[in-house]
Amino acid sequence: MTNAPMPAGLRTGRRAPHPARAVRCPHCGAAPGDRCTTRAGRTRVQRLDPCDARLAAWADRATATACCPTCQSAPGYACHNDGTASPVHDARYTEAKGKTA
């Protein structure tokens, strides 16, 4: 039995950066593409996910730039479930990621 070569992405052990890193973080001031930092200015190592404020800013951008495949809301309109307001659907984040990548 022969072994298949390991893909380079698995070899490094790194995960893809969160798409919210495409916007500046309003909480810690991290530039687009940079990781969020602590109050002391150190890179966040325990939690690789962006600050909650950065996630919210990116969600606003997703709402402004992408149609929602789930509820069919147009750019600039909030997501809804049968006419009642709802948080931004995950599918809309995915759609926005394609537009900002």
PDB file of N, CA and C in Angstrom:
ATOM      1  N   MET A   1       0.857  -1.170   0.000  1.00  0.00           N
ATOM      2  CA  MET A   1       0.000   0.000   0.000  1.00  0.00           C
ATOM      3  C   MET A   1       0.901   1.230   0.000  1.00  0.00           C
ATOM      4  N   THR A   2       0.590   2.192  -0.864  1.00  0.00           N
ATOM      5  CA  THR A   2       1.381   3.428  -0.939  1.00  0.00           C
ATOM      6  C   THR A   2       0.641   4.550  -0.229  1.00  0.00           C
ATOM      7  N   ASN A   3       1.410   5.450   0.326  1.00  0.00           N
ATOM      8  CA  ASN A   3       0.823   6.599   1.013  1.00  0.00           C
ATOM      9  C   ASN A   3       0.699   7.778   0.065  1.00  0.00           C
ATOM     10  N   ALA A   4      -0.405   8.479   0.144  1.00  0.00           N
ATOM     11  CA  ALA A   4      -0.603   9.677  -0.663  1.00  0.00           C
ATOM     12  C   ALA A   4       0.094  10.849   0.023  1.00  0.00           C
ATOM     13  N   PRO A   5       0.631  11.786  -0.747  1.00  0.00           N
ATOM     14  CA  PRO A   5       1.272  12.942  -0.123  1.00  0.00           C
ATOM     15  C   PRO A   5       0.248  13.796   0.623  1.00  0.00           C
ATOM     16  N   MET A   6       0.680  14.371   1.725  1.00  0.00           N
ATOM     17  CA  MET A   6      -0.204  15.218   2.534  1.00  0.00           C
ATOM     18  C   MET A   6      -0.323  16.587   1.878  1.00  0.00           C
ATOM     19  N   PRO A   7      -1.542  17.114   1.739  1.00  0.00           N
ATOM     20  CA  PRO A   7      -1.709  18.457   1.176  1.00  0.00           C
ATOM     21  C   PRO A   7      -0.990  19.501   2.041  1.00  0.00           C
ATOM     22  N   ALA A   8      -0.455  20.511   1.400  1.00  0.00           N
ATOM     23  CA  ALA A   8       0.310  21.546   2.105  1.00  0.00           C
ATOM     24  C   ALA A   8      -0.524  22.242   3.169  1.00  0.00           C
ATOM     25  N   GLY A   9      -1.821  22.450   2.916  1.00  0.00           N
ATOM     26  CA  GLY A   9      -2.683  23.113   3.885  1.00  0.00           C
ATOM     27  C   GLY A   9      -2.806  22.341   5.190  1.00  0.00           C
ATOM     28  N   LEU A  10      -2.762  21.028   5.120  1.00  0.00           N
ATOM     29  CA  LEU A  10      -2.824  20.211   6.333  1.00  0.00           C
ATOM     30  C   LEU A  10      -1.479  20.167   7.038  1.00  0.00           C
ATOM     31  N   ARG A  11      -0.423  20.246   6.280  1.00  0.00           N
ATOM     32  CA  ARG A  11       0.917  20.144   6.840  1.00  0.00           C
ATOM     33  C   ARG A  11       1.240  21.327   7.744  1.00  0.00           C
ATOM     34  N   THR A  12       0.786  22.511   7.405  1.00  0.00           N
ATOM     35  CA  THR A  12       1.121  23.685   8.197  1.00  0.00           C
ATOM     36  C   THR A  12       0.319  23.752   9.485  1.00  0.00           C
ATOM     37  N   GLY A  13      -0.844  23.134   9.535  1.00  0.00           N
ATOM     38  CA  GLY A  13      -1.662  23.154  10.734  1.00  0.00           C
ATOM     39  C   GLY A  13      -2.393  24.469  10.942  1.00  0.00           C
ATOM     40  N   ARG A  14      -2.360  25.347   9.976  1.00  0.00           N
ATOM     41  CA  ARG A  14      -3.032  26.636  10.094  1.00  0.00           C
ATOM     42  C   ARG A  14      -4.425  26.556   9.509  1.00  0.00           C
ATOM     43  N   ARG A  15      -5.316  27.311  10.116  1.00  0.00           N
ATOM     44  CA  ARG A  15      -6.656  27.400   9.562  1.00  0.00           C
ATOM     45  C   ARG A  15      -6.770  28.709   8.780  1.00  0.00           C
ATOM     46  N   ALA A  16      -7.709  28.753   7.892  1.00  0.00           N
ATOM     47  CA  ALA A  16      -7.906  29.959   7.086  1.00  0.00           C
ATOM     48  C   ALA A  16      -8.348  31.114   7.982  1.00  0.00           C
ATOM     49  N   PRO A  17      -7.905  32.329   7.700  1.00  0.00           N
ATOM     50  CA  PRO A  17      -8.333  33.459   8.526  1.00  0.00           C
ATOM     51  C   PRO A  17      -9.830  33.711   8.378  1.00  0.00           C
ATOM     52  N   HIS A  18     -10.414  34.219   9.436  1.00  0.00           N
ATOM     53  CA  HIS A  18     -11.842  34.527   9.422  1.00  0.00           C
ATOM     54  C   HIS A  18     -12.084  35.657   8.422  1.00  0.00           C
ATOM     55  N   PRO A  19     -13.148  35.594   7.625  1.00  0.00           N
ATOM     56  CA  PRO A  19     -13.411  36.642   6.643  1.00  0.00           C
ATOM     57  C   PRO A  19     -13.643  38.017   7.263  1.00  0.00           C
ATOM     58  N   ALA A  20     -13.968  38.080   8.544  1.00  0.00           N
ATOM     59  CA  ALA A  20     -14.159  39.377   9.202  1.00  0.00           C
ATOM     60  C   ALA A  20     -12.863  40.165   9.272  1.00  0.00           C
ATOM     61  N   ARG A  21     -11.742  39.502   9.075  1.00  0.00           N
ATOM     62  CA  ARG A  21     -10.460  40.217   9.087  1.00  0.00           C
ATOM     63  C   ARG A  21     -10.303  41.127   7.873  1.00  0.00           C
ATOM     64  N   ALA A  22     -11.276  41.137   6.983  1.00  0.00           N
ATOM     65  CA  ALA A  22     -11.234  42.027   5.823  1.00  0.00           C
ATOM     66  C   ALA A  22     -11.571  43.469   6.196  1.00  0.00           C
ATOM     67  N   VAL A  23     -12.122  43.695   7.402  1.00  0.00           N
ATOM     68  CA  VAL A  23     -12.477  45.049   7.837  1.00  0.00           C
ATOM     69  C   VAL A  23     -11.634  45.441   9.044  1.00  0.00           C
ATOM     70  N   ARG A  24     -11.455  46.749   9.244  1.00  0.00           N
ATOM     71  CA  ARG A  24     -10.724  47.255  10.415  1.00  0.00           C
ATOM     72  C   ARG A  24     -11.539  46.959  11.666  1.00  0.00           C
ATOM     73  N   CYS A  25     -10.865  46.573  12.744  1.00  0.00           N
ATOM     74  CA  CYS A  25     -11.557  46.263  13.994  1.00  0.00           C
ATOM     75  C   CYS A  25     -11.844  47.551  14.753  1.00  0.00           C
ATOM     76  N   PRO A  26     -13.126  47.849  15.015  1.00  0.00           N
ATOM     77  CA  PRO A  26     -13.454  49.061  15.748  1.00  0.00           C
ATOM     78  C   PRO A  26     -13.109  48.975  17.232  1.00  0.00           C
ATOM     79  N   HIS A  27     -12.885  47.776  17.751  1.00  0.00           N
ATOM     80  CA  HIS A  27     -12.575  47.609  19.174  1.00  0.00           C
ATOM     81  C   HIS A  27     -11.082  47.786  19.456  1.00  0.00           C
ATOM     82  N   CYS A  28     -10.245  47.013  18.769  1.00  0.00           N
ATOM     83  CA  CYS A  28      -8.808  47.058  19.068  1.00  0.00           C
ATOM     84  C   CYS A  28      -8.015  47.835  18.024  1.00  0.00           C
ATOM     85  N   GLY A  29      -8.640  48.215  16.912  1.00  0.00           N
ATOM     86  CA  GLY A  29      -7.968  49.013  15.891  1.00  0.00           C
ATOM     87  C   GLY A  29      -7.112  48.227  14.925  1.00  0.00           C
ATOM     88  N   ALA A  30      -7.207  46.897  14.926  1.00  0.00           N
ATOM     89  CA  ALA A  30      -6.408  46.083  14.009  1.00  0.00           C
ATOM     90  C   ALA A  30      -6.772  46.425  12.569  1.00  0.00           C
ATOM     91  N   ALA A  31      -5.748  46.570  11.748  1.00  0.00           N
ATOM     92  CA  ALA A  31      -5.938  46.908  10.336  1.00  0.00           C
ATOM     93  C   ALA A  31      -6.540  45.723   9.585  1.00  0.00           C
ATOM     94  N   PRO A  32      -7.182  45.982   8.440  1.00  0.00           N
ATOM     95  CA  PRO A  32      -7.702  44.873   7.636  1.00  0.00           C
ATOM     96  C   PRO A  32      -6.592  43.873   7.314  1.00  0.00           C
ATOM     97  N   GLY A  33      -6.871  42.608   7.536  1.00  0.00           N
ATOM     98  CA  GLY A  33      -5.903  41.547   7.292  1.00  0.00           C
ATOM     99  C   GLY A  33      -5.092  41.169   8.521  1.00  0.00           C
ATOM    100  N   ASP A  34      -4.965  42.072   9.499  1.00  0.00           N
ATOM    101  CA  ASP A  34      -4.202  41.789  10.711  1.00  0.00           C
ATOM    102  C   ASP A  34      -5.092  41.127  11.753  1.00  0.00           C
ATOM    103  N   ARG A  35      -4.466  40.372  12.653  1.00  0.00           N
ATOM    104  CA  ARG A  35      -5.219  39.746  13.736  1.00  0.00           C
ATOM    105  C   ARG A  35      -5.537  40.769  14.808  1.00  0.00           C
ATOM    106  N   CYS A  36      -6.601  40.531  15.547  1.00  0.00           N
ATOM    107  CA  CYS A  36      -6.989  41.413  16.644  1.00  0.00           C
ATOM    108  C   CYS A  36      -5.952  41.328  17.764  1.00  0.00           C
ATOM    109  N   THR A  37      -5.909  42.375  18.573  1.00  0.00           N
ATOM    110  CA  THR A  37      -4.935  42.443  19.662  1.00  0.00           C
ATOM    111  C   THR A  37      -5.632  42.634  21.006  1.00  0.00           C
ATOM    112  N   THR A  38      -4.874  42.439  22.081  1.00  0.00           N
ATOM    113  CA  THR A  38      -5.373  42.669  23.429  1.00  0.00           C
ATOM    114  C   THR A  38      -5.229  44.149  23.756  1.00  0.00           C
ATOM    115  N   ARG A  39      -5.697  44.542  24.949  1.00  0.00           N
ATOM    116  CA  ARG A  39      -5.542  45.939  25.370  1.00  0.00           C
ATOM    117  C   ARG A  39      -4.073  46.349  25.438  1.00  0.00           C
ATOM    118  N   ALA A  40      -3.213  45.405  25.762  1.00  0.00           N
ATOM    119  CA  ALA A  40      -1.780  45.684  25.868  1.00  0.00           C
ATOM    120  C   ALA A  40      -1.101  45.733  24.499  1.00  0.00           C
ATOM    121  N   GLY A  41      -1.854  45.474  23.433  1.00  0.00           N
ATOM    122  CA  GLY A  41      -1.290  45.533  22.091  1.00  0.00           C
ATOM    123  C   GLY A  41      -0.677  44.228  21.621  1.00  0.00           C
ATOM    124  N   ARG A  42      -0.847  43.177  22.376  1.00  0.00           N
ATOM    125  CA  ARG A  42      -0.308  41.873  21.981  1.00  0.00           C
ATOM    126  C   ARG A  42      -1.311  41.157  21.087  1.00  0.00           C
ATOM    127  N   THR A  43      -0.800  40.361  20.162  1.00  0.00           N
ATOM    128  CA  THR A  43      -1.675  39.579  19.290  1.00  0.00           C
ATOM    129  C   THR A  43      -2.435  38.564  20.131  1.00  0.00           C
ATOM    130  N   ARG A  44      -3.715  38.455  19.876  1.00  0.00           N
ATOM    131  CA  ARG A  44      -4.535  37.492  20.610  1.00  0.00           C
ATOM    132  C   ARG A  44      -4.135  36.088  20.206  1.00  0.00           C
ATOM    133  N   VAL A  45      -3.654  35.294  21.155  1.00  0.00           N
ATOM    134  CA  VAL A  45      -3.223  33.937  20.831  1.00  0.00           C
ATOM    135  C   VAL A  45      -4.190  32.880  21.337  1.00  0.00           C
ATOM    136  N   GLN A  46      -4.900  33.149  22.429  1.00  0.00           N
ATOM    137  CA  GLN A  46      -5.814  32.151  22.958  1.00  0.00           C
ATOM    138  C   GLN A  46      -7.052  32.022  22.102  1.00  0.00           C
ATOM    139  N   ARG A  47      -7.482  33.108  21.528  1.00  0.00           N
ATOM    140  CA  ARG A  47      -8.676  33.108  20.685  1.00  0.00           C
ATOM    141  C   ARG A  47      -8.295  33.691  19.338  1.00  0.00           C
ATOM    142  N   LEU A  48      -8.204  32.864  18.336  1.00  0.00           N
ATOM    143  CA  LEU A  48      -7.806  33.355  17.016  1.00  0.00           C
ATOM    144  C   LEU A  48      -8.942  34.054  16.287  1.00  0.00           C
ATOM    145  N   ASP A  49     -10.156  33.926  16.798  1.00  0.00           N
ATOM    146  CA  ASP A  49     -11.284  34.596  16.167  1.00  0.00           C
ATOM    147  C   ASP A  49     -11.204  36.095  16.423  1.00  0.00           C
ATOM    148  N   PRO A  50     -11.753  36.904  15.549  1.00  0.00           N
ATOM    149  CA  PRO A  50     -11.733  38.363  15.731  1.00  0.00           C
ATOM    150  C   PRO A  50     -12.562  38.809  16.930  1.00  0.00           C
ATOM    151  N   CYS A  51     -12.345  40.062  17.336  1.00  0.00           N
ATOM    152  CA  CYS A  51     -13.138  40.677  18.406  1.00  0.00           C
ATOM    153  C   CYS A  51     -14.616  40.666  17.993  1.00  0.00           C
ATOM    154  N   ASP A  52     -15.502  40.668  18.988  1.00  0.00           N
ATOM    155  CA  ASP A  52     -16.940  40.691  18.700  1.00  0.00           C
ATOM    156  C   ASP A  52     -17.331  41.936  17.906  1.00  0.00           C
ATOM    157  N   ALA A  53     -16.693  43.074  18.198  1.00  0.00           N
ATOM    158  CA  ALA A  53     -17.001  44.308  17.473  1.00  0.00           C
ATOM    159  C   ALA A  53     -16.620  44.188  16.005  1.00  0.00           C
ATOM    160  N   ARG A  54     -15.536  43.477  15.715  1.00  0.00           N
ATOM    161  CA  ARG A  54     -15.116  43.286  14.324  1.00  0.00           C
ATOM    162  C   ARG A  54     -16.109  42.378  13.604  1.00  0.00           C
ATOM    163  N   LEU A  55     -16.586  41.351  14.288  1.00  0.00           N
ATOM    164  CA  LEU A  55     -17.592  40.474  13.692  1.00  0.00           C
ATOM    165  C   LEU A  55     -18.868  41.245  13.376  1.00  0.00           C
ATOM    166  N   ALA A  56     -19.259  42.139  14.281  1.00  0.00           N
ATOM    167  CA  ALA A  56     -20.462  42.952  14.054  1.00  0.00           C
ATOM    168  C   ALA A  56     -20.261  43.894  12.875  1.00  0.00           C
ATOM    169  N   ALA A  57     -19.080  44.501  12.773  1.00  0.00           N
ATOM    170  CA  ALA A  57     -18.795  45.400  11.650  1.00  0.00           C
ATOM    171  C   ALA A  57     -18.826  44.641  10.327  1.00  0.00           C
ATOM    172  N   TRP A  58     -18.303  43.430  10.333  1.00  0.00           N
ATOM    173  CA  TRP A  58     -18.307  42.637   9.113  1.00  0.00           C
ATOM    174  C   TRP A  58     -19.726  42.199   8.762  1.00  0.00           C
ATOM    175  N   ALA A  59     -20.538  41.895   9.787  1.00  0.00           N
ATOM    176  CA  ALA A  59     -21.937  41.528   9.539  1.00  0.00           C
ATOM    177  C   ALA A  59     -22.681  42.696   8.896  1.00  0.00           C
ATOM    178  N   ASP A  60     -22.408  43.914   9.368  1.00  0.00           N
ATOM    179  CA  ASP A  60     -23.030  45.093   8.748  1.00  0.00           C
ATOM    180  C   ASP A  60     -22.618  45.206   7.295  1.00  0.00           C
ATOM    181  N   ARG A  61     -21.355  44.925   7.017  1.00  0.00           N
ATOM    182  CA  ARG A  61     -20.859  44.978   5.639  1.00  0.00           C
ATOM    183  C   ARG A  61     -21.523  43.889   4.795  1.00  0.00           C
ATOM    184  N   ALA A  62     -21.712  42.703   5.396  1.00  0.00           N
ATOM    185  CA  ALA A  62     -22.375  41.611   4.672  1.00  0.00           C
ATOM    186  C   ALA A  62     -23.797  42.005   4.308  1.00  0.00           C
ATOM    187  N   THR A  63     -24.475  42.664   5.232  1.00  0.00           N
ATOM    188  CA  THR A  63     -25.842  43.104   4.987  1.00  0.00           C
ATOM    189  C   THR A  63     -25.885  44.157   3.884  1.00  0.00           C
ATOM    190  N   ALA A  64     -24.863  45.004   3.837  1.00  0.00           N
ATOM    191  CA  ALA A  64     -24.838  46.095   2.865  1.00  0.00           C
ATOM    192  C   ALA A  64     -24.425  45.645   1.467  1.00  0.00           C
ATOM    193  N   THR A  65     -23.682  44.528   1.357  1.00  0.00           N
ATOM    194  CA  THR A  65     -23.116  44.178   0.054  1.00  0.00           C
ATOM    195  C   THR A  65     -23.666  42.918  -0.586  1.00  0.00           C
ATOM    196  N   ALA A  66     -24.372  42.080   0.177  1.00  0.00           N
ATOM    197  CA  ALA A  66     -24.761  40.780  -0.371  1.00  0.00           C
ATOM    198  C   ALA A  66     -26.255  40.519  -0.196  1.00  0.00           C
ATOM    199  N   CYS A  67     -26.833  39.869  -1.194  1.00  0.00           N
ATOM    200  CA  CYS A  67     -28.202  39.375  -1.076  1.00  0.00           C
ATOM    201  C   CYS A  67     -28.172  38.134  -0.188  1.00  0.00           C
ATOM    202  N   CYS A  68     -29.235  37.906   0.548  1.00  0.00           N
ATOM    203  CA  CYS A  68     -29.304  36.732   1.415  1.00  0.00           C
ATOM    204  C   CYS A  68     -29.955  35.581   0.652  1.00  0.00           C
ATOM    205  N   PRO A  69     -29.223  34.472   0.449  1.00  0.00           N
ATOM    206  CA  PRO A  69     -29.813  33.327  -0.235  1.00  0.00           C
ATOM    207  C   PRO A  69     -30.933  32.653   0.563  1.00  0.00           C
ATOM    208  N   THR A  70     -30.937  32.831   1.878  1.00  0.00           N
ATOM    209  CA  THR A  70     -31.927  32.172   2.727  1.00  0.00           C
ATOM    210  C   THR A  70     -33.277  32.876   2.675  1.00  0.00           C
ATOM    211  N   CYS A  71     -33.281  34.210   2.901  1.00  0.00           N
ATOM    212  CA  CYS A  71     -34.560  34.931   2.976  1.00  0.00           C
ATOM    213  C   CYS A  71     -34.777  35.888   1.801  1.00  0.00           C
ATOM    214  N   GLN A  72     -33.828  35.930   0.878  1.00  0.00           N
ATOM    215  CA  GLN A  72     -33.919  36.752  -0.336  1.00  0.00           C
ATOM    216  C   GLN A  72     -33.906  38.249  -0.059  1.00  0.00           C
ATOM    217  N   SER A  73     -33.366  38.686   1.089  1.00  0.00           N
ATOM    218  CA  SER A  73     -33.268  40.123   1.368  1.00  0.00           C
ATOM    219  C   SER A  73     -32.212  40.745   0.467  1.00  0.00           C
ATOM    220  N   ALA A  74     -32.534  41.894  -0.072  1.00  0.00           N
ATOM    221  CA  ALA A  74     -31.619  42.607  -0.962  1.00  0.00           C
ATOM    222  C   ALA A  74     -30.524  43.298  -0.151  1.00  0.00           C
ATOM    223  N   PRO A  75     -29.396  43.658  -0.797  1.00  0.00           N
ATOM    224  CA  PRO A  75     -28.359  44.409  -0.090  1.00  0.00           C
ATOM    225  C   PRO A  75     -28.944  45.674   0.538  1.00  0.00           C
ATOM    226  N   GLY A  76     -28.554  45.939   1.780  1.00  0.00           N
ATOM    227  CA  GLY A  76     -29.050  47.098   2.494  1.00  0.00           C
ATOM    228  C   GLY A  76     -30.264  46.817   3.357  1.00  0.00           C
ATOM    229  N   TYR A  77     -30.849  45.632   3.230  1.00  0.00           N
ATOM    230  CA  TYR A  77     -32.021  45.252   4.023  1.00  0.00           C
ATOM    231  C   TYR A  77     -31.651  44.122   4.971  1.00  0.00           C
ATOM    232  N   ALA A  78     -32.223  44.155   6.171  1.00  0.00           N
ATOM    233  CA  ALA A  78     -31.926  43.142   7.184  1.00  0.00           C
ATOM    234  C   ALA A  78     -32.538  41.799   6.814  1.00  0.00           C
ATOM    235  N   CYS A  79     -31.938  40.734   7.349  1.00  0.00           N
ATOM    236  CA  CYS A  79     -32.499  39.396   7.165  1.00  0.00           C
ATOM    237  C   CYS A  79     -33.792  39.274   7.955  1.00  0.00           C
ATOM    238  N   HIS A  80     -34.635  38.312   7.541  1.00  0.00           N
ATOM    239  CA  HIS A  80     -35.906  38.086   8.226  1.00  0.00           C
ATOM    240  C   HIS A  80     -36.291  36.621   8.120  1.00  0.00           C
ATOM    241  N   ASN A  81     -37.144  36.209   9.022  1.00  0.00           N
ATOM    242  CA  ASN A  81     -37.753  34.874   8.974  1.00  0.00           C
ATOM    243  C   ASN A  81     -39.259  35.072   8.926  1.00  0.00           C
ATOM    244  N   ASP A  82     -39.837  34.852   7.763  1.00  0.00           N
ATOM    245  CA  ASP A  82     -41.280  35.019   7.572  1.00  0.00           C
ATOM    246  C   ASP A  82     -41.775  36.381   8.032  1.00  0.00           C
ATOM    247  N   GLY A  83     -41.036  37.418   7.704  1.00  0.00           N
ATOM    248  CA  GLY A  83     -41.460  38.773   8.008  1.00  0.00           C
ATOM    249  C   GLY A  83     -40.971  39.333   9.325  1.00  0.00           C
ATOM    250  N   THR A  84     -40.436  38.504  10.217  1.00  0.00           N
ATOM    251  CA  THR A  84     -39.901  39.015  11.486  1.00  0.00           C
ATOM    252  C   THR A  84     -38.385  39.115  11.387  1.00  0.00           C
ATOM    253  N   ALA A  85     -37.827  40.167  11.976  1.00  0.00           N
ATOM    254  CA  ALA A  85     -36.382  40.395  11.921  1.00  0.00           C
ATOM    255  C   ALA A  85     -35.624  39.233  12.545  1.00  0.00           C
ATOM    256  N   SER A  86     -34.465  38.942  11.981  1.00  0.00           N
ATOM    257  CA  SER A  86     -33.626  37.877  12.512  1.00  0.00           C
ATOM    258  C   SER A  86     -32.165  38.294  12.384  1.00  0.00           C
ATOM    259  N   PRO A  87     -31.272  37.601  13.069  1.00  0.00           N
ATOM    260  CA  PRO A  87     -29.848  37.879  12.876  1.00  0.00           C
ATOM    261  C   PRO A  87     -29.457  37.559  11.434  1.00  0.00           C
ATOM    262  N   VAL A  88     -28.320  38.063  11.025  1.00  0.00           N
ATOM    263  CA  VAL A  88     -27.846  37.808   9.661  1.00  0.00           C
ATOM    264  C   VAL A  88     -27.648  36.307   9.480  1.00  0.00           C
ATOM    265  N   HIS A  89     -28.202  35.756   8.407  1.00  0.00           N
ATOM    266  CA  HIS A  89     -28.078  34.329   8.129  1.00  0.00           C
ATOM    267  C   HIS A  89     -26.652  33.978   7.717  1.00  0.00           C
ATOM    268  N   ASP A  90     -26.215  32.769   8.069  1.00  0.00           N
ATOM    269  CA  ASP A  90     -24.866  32.306   7.724  1.00  0.00           C
ATOM    270  C   ASP A  90     -24.633  32.311   6.214  1.00  0.00           C
ATOM    271  N   ALA A  91     -25.665  32.009   5.454  1.00  0.00           N
ATOM    272  CA  ALA A  91     -25.531  31.992   3.996  1.00  0.00           C
ATOM    273  C   ALA A  91     -25.184  33.383   3.457  1.00  0.00           C
ATOM    274  N   ARG A  92     -25.666  34.424   4.135  1.00  0.00           N
ATOM    275  CA  ARG A  92     -25.366  35.788   3.698  1.00  0.00           C
ATOM    276  C   ARG A  92     -23.898  36.117   3.960  1.00  0.00           C
ATOM    277  N   TYR A  93     -23.371  35.622   5.090  1.00  0.00           N
ATOM    278  CA  TYR A  93     -21.938  35.789   5.364  1.00  0.00           C
ATOM    279  C   TYR A  93     -21.119  35.140   4.256  1.00  0.00           C
ATOM    280  N   THR A  94     -21.528  33.936   3.857  1.00  0.00           N
ATOM    281  CA  THR A  94     -20.805  33.223   2.805  1.00  0.00           C
ATOM    282  C   THR A  94     -20.864  33.999   1.497  1.00  0.00           C
ATOM    283  N   GLU A  95     -22.024  34.530   1.191  1.00  0.00           N
ATOM    284  CA  GLU A  95     -22.191  35.330  -0.027  1.00  0.00           C
ATOM    285  C   GLU A  95     -21.313  36.578   0.024  1.00  0.00           C
ATOM    286  N   ALA A  96     -21.274  37.242   1.157  1.00  0.00           N
ATOM    287  CA  ALA A  96     -20.448  38.448   1.310  1.00  0.00           C
ATOM    288  C   ALA A  96     -18.964  38.113   1.232  1.00  0.00           C
ATOM    289  N   LYS A  97     -18.597  36.980   1.748  1.00  0.00           N
ATOM    290  CA  LYS A  97     -17.188  36.558   1.694  1.00  0.00           C
ATOM    291  C   LYS A  97     -16.728  36.445   0.246  1.00  0.00           C
ATOM    292  N   GLY A  98     -17.595  35.921  -0.605  1.00  0.00           N
ATOM    293  CA  GLY A  98     -17.259  35.813  -2.020  1.00  0.00           C
ATOM    294  C   GLY A  98     -17.101  37.166  -2.685  1.00  0.00           C
ATOM    295  N   LYS A  99     -17.836  38.181  -2.203  1.00  0.00           N
ATOM    296  CA  LYS A  99     -17.756  39.499  -2.789  1.00  0.00           C
ATOM    297  C   LYS A  99     -16.564  40.289  -2.283  1.00  0.00           C
ATOM    298  N   THR A 100     -16.069  39.971  -1.050  1.00  0.00           N
ATOM    299  CA  THR A 100     -14.963  40.728  -0.474  1.00  0.00           C
ATOM    300  C   THR A 100     -13.626  40.034  -0.663  1.00  0.00           C
ATOM    301  N   ALA A 101     -13.644  38.788  -1.092  1.00  0.00           N
ATOM    302  CA  ALA A 101     -12.391  38.053  -1.234  1.00  0.00           C
ATOM    303  C   ALA A 101     -11.603  38.508  -2.430  1.00  0.00           C
TER     304      ALA A 101
END
